[in-house]
N, C-alpha and C. Protein backbone atom coordinates (compact mmCIF):
# COMPACT_ATOMS: atom_id res chain seq x y z
N MET A 1 -40.48 -53.81 -1.03
CA MET A 1 -41.21 -52.86 -0.25
C MET A 1 -40.29 -52.27 0.81
N ILE A 2 -40.41 -50.93 1.02
CA ILE A 2 -39.61 -50.22 2.02
C ILE A 2 -40.45 -50.09 3.28
N TRP A 3 -39.87 -50.55 4.34
CA TRP A 3 -40.56 -50.46 5.62
C TRP A 3 -40.41 -49.05 6.18
N PRO A 4 -41.34 -48.63 7.00
CA PRO A 4 -41.30 -47.26 7.56
C PRO A 4 -40.00 -46.95 8.28
N TRP A 5 -39.46 -47.88 9.03
CA TRP A 5 -38.22 -47.60 9.75
C TRP A 5 -37.06 -47.46 8.78
N GLN A 6 -37.15 -48.11 7.59
CA GLN A 6 -36.10 -47.94 6.58
C GLN A 6 -36.15 -46.52 6.00
N GLN A 7 -37.35 -46.01 5.80
CA GLN A 7 -37.49 -44.65 5.31
C GLN A 7 -36.88 -43.66 6.33
N PHE A 8 -37.09 -43.95 7.59
CA PHE A 8 -36.55 -43.10 8.64
C PHE A 8 -35.02 -43.11 8.60
N ASP A 9 -34.42 -44.28 8.37
CA ASP A 9 -32.95 -44.38 8.28
C ASP A 9 -32.42 -43.58 7.09
N VAL A 10 -33.11 -43.64 5.97
CA VAL A 10 -32.70 -42.89 4.78
C VAL A 10 -32.78 -41.39 5.06
N LEU A 11 -33.87 -40.97 5.67
CA LEU A 11 -34.03 -39.56 6.00
C LEU A 11 -32.96 -39.11 7.00
N GLN A 12 -32.68 -39.95 7.95
CA GLN A 12 -31.67 -39.60 8.95
C GLN A 12 -30.29 -39.47 8.30
N ARG A 13 -29.95 -40.35 7.36
CA ARG A 13 -28.66 -40.27 6.65
C ARG A 13 -28.59 -39.01 5.80
N LEU A 14 -29.71 -38.66 5.16
CA LEU A 14 -29.75 -37.43 4.36
C LEU A 14 -29.55 -36.19 5.23
N ILE A 15 -30.17 -36.20 6.39
CA ILE A 15 -30.02 -35.06 7.30
C ILE A 15 -28.57 -34.93 7.75
N VAL A 16 -27.93 -36.04 8.07
CA VAL A 16 -26.52 -36.02 8.49
C VAL A 16 -25.65 -35.52 7.33
N LEU A 17 -25.90 -35.99 6.12
CA LEU A 17 -25.13 -35.58 4.96
C LEU A 17 -25.29 -34.08 4.71
N HIS A 18 -26.51 -33.59 4.77
CA HIS A 18 -26.76 -32.16 4.55
C HIS A 18 -26.14 -31.32 5.66
N SER A 19 -26.15 -31.82 6.88
CA SER A 19 -25.52 -31.10 7.99
C SER A 19 -24.02 -30.98 7.77
N GLN A 20 -23.41 -32.06 7.28
CA GLN A 20 -21.97 -32.02 6.99
C GLN A 20 -21.66 -31.03 5.87
N GLN A 21 -22.51 -31.02 4.84
CA GLN A 21 -22.31 -30.09 3.74
C GLN A 21 -22.47 -28.64 4.20
N LEU A 22 -23.46 -28.39 5.06
CA LEU A 22 -23.64 -27.05 5.60
C LEU A 22 -22.44 -26.63 6.45
N ALA A 23 -21.87 -27.55 7.21
CA ALA A 23 -20.70 -27.24 8.02
C ALA A 23 -19.52 -26.87 7.12
N GLN A 24 -19.37 -27.56 6.00
CA GLN A 24 -18.29 -27.24 5.06
C GLN A 24 -18.51 -25.85 4.44
N ILE A 25 -19.73 -25.56 4.08
CA ILE A 25 -20.05 -24.25 3.51
C ILE A 25 -19.76 -23.15 4.53
N ASN A 26 -20.17 -23.37 5.79
CA ASN A 26 -19.90 -22.39 6.85
C ASN A 26 -18.40 -22.18 7.03
N SER A 27 -17.64 -23.25 6.97
CA SER A 27 -16.19 -23.15 7.13
C SER A 27 -15.59 -22.33 5.99
N LYS A 28 -16.05 -22.56 4.77
CA LYS A 28 -15.55 -21.81 3.62
C LYS A 28 -15.95 -20.33 3.72
N LEU A 29 -17.13 -20.07 4.18
CA LEU A 29 -17.57 -18.68 4.37
C LEU A 29 -16.72 -17.98 5.42
N ASP A 30 -16.43 -18.68 6.51
CA ASP A 30 -15.58 -18.10 7.55
C ASP A 30 -14.20 -17.76 6.99
N THR A 31 -13.66 -18.63 6.14
CA THR A 31 -12.36 -18.38 5.51
C THR A 31 -12.42 -17.14 4.62
N LEU A 32 -13.47 -17.05 3.82
CA LEU A 32 -13.63 -15.89 2.93
C LEU A 32 -13.78 -14.59 3.72
N ILE A 33 -14.54 -14.62 4.78
CA ILE A 33 -14.75 -13.43 5.60
C ILE A 33 -13.43 -13.00 6.24
N ALA A 34 -12.66 -13.95 6.74
CA ALA A 34 -11.37 -13.63 7.35
C ALA A 34 -10.42 -13.05 6.31
N ARG A 35 -10.40 -13.60 5.12
CA ARG A 35 -9.53 -13.12 4.05
C ARG A 35 -9.93 -11.70 3.64
N GLU A 36 -11.23 -11.45 3.57
CA GLU A 36 -11.72 -10.12 3.20
C GLU A 36 -11.30 -9.09 4.25
N ALA A 37 -11.39 -9.46 5.51
CA ALA A 37 -10.98 -8.54 6.58
C ALA A 37 -9.50 -8.23 6.47
N SER A 38 -8.70 -9.23 6.16
CA SER A 38 -7.26 -9.03 6.01
C SER A 38 -6.97 -8.12 4.81
N GLU A 39 -7.67 -8.34 3.71
CA GLU A 39 -7.46 -7.51 2.52
C GLU A 39 -7.92 -6.09 2.77
N MET A 40 -8.97 -5.90 3.54
CA MET A 40 -9.44 -4.55 3.84
C MET A 40 -8.41 -3.81 4.70
N ALA A 41 -7.76 -4.54 5.62
CA ALA A 41 -6.72 -3.91 6.42
C ALA A 41 -5.58 -3.46 5.52
N SER A 42 -5.23 -4.28 4.54
CA SER A 42 -4.18 -3.91 3.60
C SER A 42 -4.60 -2.69 2.80
N MET A 43 -5.85 -2.62 2.39
CA MET A 43 -6.35 -1.48 1.62
C MET A 43 -6.28 -0.21 2.47
N ASP A 44 -6.61 -0.32 3.75
CA ASP A 44 -6.52 0.84 4.64
C ASP A 44 -5.07 1.32 4.75
N ASP A 45 -4.13 0.37 4.80
CA ASP A 45 -2.71 0.74 4.85
C ASP A 45 -2.30 1.47 3.57
N ILE A 46 -2.79 1.00 2.44
CA ILE A 46 -2.47 1.62 1.15
C ILE A 46 -3.05 3.04 1.10
N LYS A 47 -4.30 3.18 1.56
CA LYS A 47 -4.92 4.52 1.56
C LYS A 47 -4.11 5.48 2.45
N ALA A 48 -3.68 5.01 3.60
CA ALA A 48 -2.89 5.85 4.51
C ALA A 48 -1.57 6.25 3.87
N ALA A 49 -0.95 5.32 3.17
CA ALA A 49 0.32 5.61 2.49
C ALA A 49 0.12 6.66 1.39
N VAL A 50 -0.99 6.57 0.66
CA VAL A 50 -1.28 7.54 -0.39
C VAL A 50 -1.50 8.92 0.21
N VAL A 51 -2.22 8.99 1.32
CA VAL A 51 -2.44 10.28 1.99
C VAL A 51 -1.10 10.86 2.43
N ASN A 52 -0.26 10.03 3.02
CA ASN A 52 1.06 10.48 3.47
C ASN A 52 1.89 10.96 2.29
N GLU A 53 1.86 10.20 1.20
CA GLU A 53 2.62 10.57 0.00
C GLU A 53 2.12 11.90 -0.56
N THR A 54 0.81 12.09 -0.58
CA THR A 54 0.24 13.34 -1.06
C THR A 54 0.70 14.52 -0.21
N THR A 55 0.77 14.31 1.10
CA THR A 55 1.25 15.36 2.00
C THR A 55 2.71 15.69 1.71
N VAL A 56 3.51 14.67 1.50
CA VAL A 56 4.93 14.88 1.21
C VAL A 56 5.09 15.62 -0.12
N ILE A 57 4.32 15.22 -1.13
CA ILE A 57 4.40 15.88 -2.43
C ILE A 57 4.01 17.35 -2.30
N GLY A 58 2.96 17.62 -1.55
CA GLY A 58 2.55 19.01 -1.32
C GLY A 58 3.63 19.81 -0.63
N SER A 59 4.29 19.20 0.34
CA SER A 59 5.36 19.89 1.06
C SER A 59 6.53 20.19 0.13
N VAL A 60 6.89 19.23 -0.69
CA VAL A 60 8.00 19.43 -1.63
C VAL A 60 7.64 20.53 -2.63
N THR A 61 6.41 20.51 -3.12
CA THR A 61 5.97 21.53 -4.06
C THR A 61 6.05 22.92 -3.43
N THR A 62 5.59 23.04 -2.19
CA THR A 62 5.66 24.33 -1.49
C THR A 62 7.12 24.76 -1.31
N LEU A 63 7.96 23.84 -0.91
CA LEU A 63 9.38 24.14 -0.71
C LEU A 63 10.00 24.66 -2.00
N LEU A 64 9.77 23.94 -3.11
CA LEU A 64 10.37 24.34 -4.38
C LEU A 64 9.83 25.69 -4.86
N THR A 65 8.55 25.93 -4.63
CA THR A 65 7.97 27.22 -5.01
C THR A 65 8.60 28.35 -4.22
N GLN A 66 8.77 28.15 -2.92
CA GLN A 66 9.38 29.18 -2.07
C GLN A 66 10.84 29.42 -2.47
N LEU A 67 11.57 28.34 -2.74
CA LEU A 67 12.97 28.49 -3.14
C LEU A 67 13.07 29.22 -4.48
N SER A 68 12.19 28.90 -5.39
CA SER A 68 12.19 29.57 -6.68
C SER A 68 11.95 31.07 -6.51
N GLN A 69 11.00 31.42 -5.64
CA GLN A 69 10.71 32.83 -5.39
C GLN A 69 11.90 33.54 -4.73
N GLN A 70 12.53 32.87 -3.78
CA GLN A 70 13.69 33.46 -3.11
C GLN A 70 14.82 33.70 -4.11
N LEU A 71 15.06 32.73 -4.97
CA LEU A 71 16.11 32.87 -5.96
C LEU A 71 15.78 33.99 -6.94
N SER A 72 14.53 34.05 -7.35
CA SER A 72 14.08 35.12 -8.26
C SER A 72 14.28 36.49 -7.62
N ASP A 73 13.90 36.60 -6.34
CA ASP A 73 14.07 37.87 -5.62
C ASP A 73 15.54 38.24 -5.51
N ALA A 74 16.38 37.27 -5.21
CA ALA A 74 17.82 37.54 -5.07
C ALA A 74 18.41 38.00 -6.39
N LEU A 75 17.99 37.39 -7.49
CA LEU A 75 18.51 37.78 -8.80
C LEU A 75 18.02 39.18 -9.19
N LYS A 76 16.77 39.49 -8.83
CA LYS A 76 16.23 40.83 -9.13
C LYS A 76 17.00 41.90 -8.36
N ASN A 77 17.37 41.58 -7.14
CA ASN A 77 18.09 42.54 -6.30
C ASN A 77 19.59 42.55 -6.60
N GLU A 78 19.99 41.63 -7.46
CA GLU A 78 21.41 41.49 -7.83
C GLU A 78 22.29 41.37 -6.59
N ASP A 79 21.83 40.50 -5.69
CA ASP A 79 22.58 40.25 -4.46
C ASP A 79 23.23 38.87 -4.58
N PRO A 80 24.49 38.81 -4.98
CA PRO A 80 25.15 37.52 -5.19
C PRO A 80 25.22 36.66 -3.92
N ALA A 81 25.40 37.26 -2.78
CA ALA A 81 25.47 36.48 -1.53
C ALA A 81 24.12 35.83 -1.23
N GLU A 82 23.03 36.58 -1.43
CA GLU A 82 21.69 36.03 -1.19
C GLU A 82 21.38 34.93 -2.21
N ALA A 83 21.78 35.17 -3.46
CA ALA A 83 21.57 34.15 -4.51
C ALA A 83 22.34 32.88 -4.17
N GLN A 84 23.58 33.02 -3.71
CA GLN A 84 24.39 31.85 -3.35
C GLN A 84 23.78 31.11 -2.16
N ALA A 85 23.25 31.85 -1.18
CA ALA A 85 22.61 31.22 -0.02
C ALA A 85 21.39 30.40 -0.46
N VAL A 86 20.60 30.95 -1.37
CA VAL A 86 19.43 30.22 -1.87
C VAL A 86 19.89 29.00 -2.66
N LEU A 87 20.93 29.17 -3.49
CA LEU A 87 21.45 28.05 -4.27
C LEU A 87 21.97 26.95 -3.35
N ASP A 88 22.66 27.32 -2.29
CA ASP A 88 23.14 26.33 -1.32
C ASP A 88 21.97 25.59 -0.67
N GLU A 89 20.90 26.32 -0.35
CA GLU A 89 19.72 25.70 0.25
C GLU A 89 19.06 24.73 -0.73
N VAL A 90 18.99 25.17 -2.00
CA VAL A 90 18.41 24.29 -3.04
C VAL A 90 19.23 23.01 -3.15
N ASN A 91 20.55 23.13 -3.19
CA ASN A 91 21.41 21.95 -3.32
C ASN A 91 21.27 21.03 -2.11
N ALA A 92 21.16 21.61 -0.91
CA ALA A 92 20.98 20.79 0.30
C ALA A 92 19.65 20.05 0.25
N ASN A 93 18.61 20.73 -0.21
CA ASN A 93 17.30 20.08 -0.30
C ASN A 93 17.27 19.01 -1.39
N ILE A 94 17.96 19.26 -2.50
CA ILE A 94 18.04 18.24 -3.56
C ILE A 94 18.70 16.98 -3.01
N LYS A 95 19.79 17.17 -2.26
CA LYS A 95 20.48 16.01 -1.68
C LYS A 95 19.58 15.27 -0.69
N ALA A 96 18.89 16.03 0.17
CA ALA A 96 17.99 15.40 1.15
C ALA A 96 16.88 14.62 0.45
N LEU A 97 16.31 15.20 -0.60
CA LEU A 97 15.25 14.51 -1.35
C LEU A 97 15.78 13.27 -2.04
N SER A 98 16.94 13.39 -2.70
CA SER A 98 17.47 12.22 -3.42
C SER A 98 17.87 11.12 -2.44
N ASP A 99 18.40 11.49 -1.27
CA ASP A 99 18.73 10.49 -0.25
C ASP A 99 17.46 9.79 0.25
N ALA A 100 16.40 10.57 0.46
CA ALA A 100 15.13 9.98 0.94
C ALA A 100 14.54 9.05 -0.11
N VAL A 101 14.59 9.46 -1.36
CA VAL A 101 14.06 8.59 -2.43
C VAL A 101 14.88 7.31 -2.51
N ALA A 102 16.19 7.44 -2.47
CA ALA A 102 17.05 6.26 -2.55
C ALA A 102 16.81 5.32 -1.36
N ALA A 103 16.65 5.90 -0.18
CA ALA A 103 16.45 5.08 1.02
C ALA A 103 15.10 4.37 1.01
N ASN A 104 14.11 4.93 0.33
CA ASN A 104 12.77 4.35 0.35
C ASN A 104 12.37 3.69 -0.95
N THR A 105 13.33 3.47 -1.84
CA THR A 105 13.05 2.77 -3.10
C THR A 105 13.55 1.35 -2.97
N PRO A 106 12.65 0.37 -3.15
CA PRO A 106 13.10 -1.02 -3.04
C PRO A 106 14.11 -1.35 -4.14
N GLN A 107 15.07 -2.12 -3.76
CA GLN A 107 16.07 -2.56 -4.74
C GLN A 107 15.48 -3.66 -5.61
N PRO A 108 15.80 -3.64 -6.90
CA PRO A 108 15.28 -4.72 -7.76
C PRO A 108 15.92 -6.05 -7.36
N PRO A 109 15.20 -7.14 -7.56
CA PRO A 109 15.78 -8.43 -7.22
C PRO A 109 16.98 -8.71 -8.11
N PRO A 110 17.95 -9.46 -7.61
CA PRO A 110 19.13 -9.76 -8.43
C PRO A 110 18.72 -10.57 -9.66
N ALA A 111 19.46 -10.35 -10.73
CA ALA A 111 19.17 -11.10 -11.96
C ALA A 111 19.50 -12.57 -11.71
N PRO A 112 18.67 -13.46 -12.26
CA PRO A 112 18.95 -14.88 -12.08
C PRO A 112 20.26 -15.25 -12.76
N ALA A 113 20.95 -16.19 -12.14
CA ALA A 113 22.21 -16.67 -12.72
C ALA A 113 21.91 -17.39 -14.04
N PRO A 114 22.75 -17.18 -15.03
CA PRO A 114 22.52 -17.87 -16.31
C PRO A 114 22.63 -19.37 -16.13
N THR A 115 21.78 -20.06 -16.80
CA THR A 115 21.85 -21.53 -16.75
C THR A 115 22.66 -22.02 -17.92
N VAL A 116 23.42 -23.05 -17.64
CA VAL A 116 24.32 -23.59 -18.67
C VAL A 116 23.77 -24.89 -19.18
């Protein structure tokens, strides 16, 4: 036979056990919420980078379109000096773009050393 005070002890142990389990669940939820906030910050950074990249691409497209038109106009007018000036500008912009791409392209990791 279980005495009433024994039932109380069992209930009290169950309450303590459930409280501990709830504390663990709360701790795990806090970890997940913090991780989600960190990942959202990373996503915001990615979105900002895409917007910036889109702006740069638009600028390059405009630049190339304008240079193409200038070169076309110079050739139509048969003005060799104007054509050379546009060509020099194109070459300078190509170098600036290639330098920027090279400077902002991550280098591949070195190949692992062969194992013997």
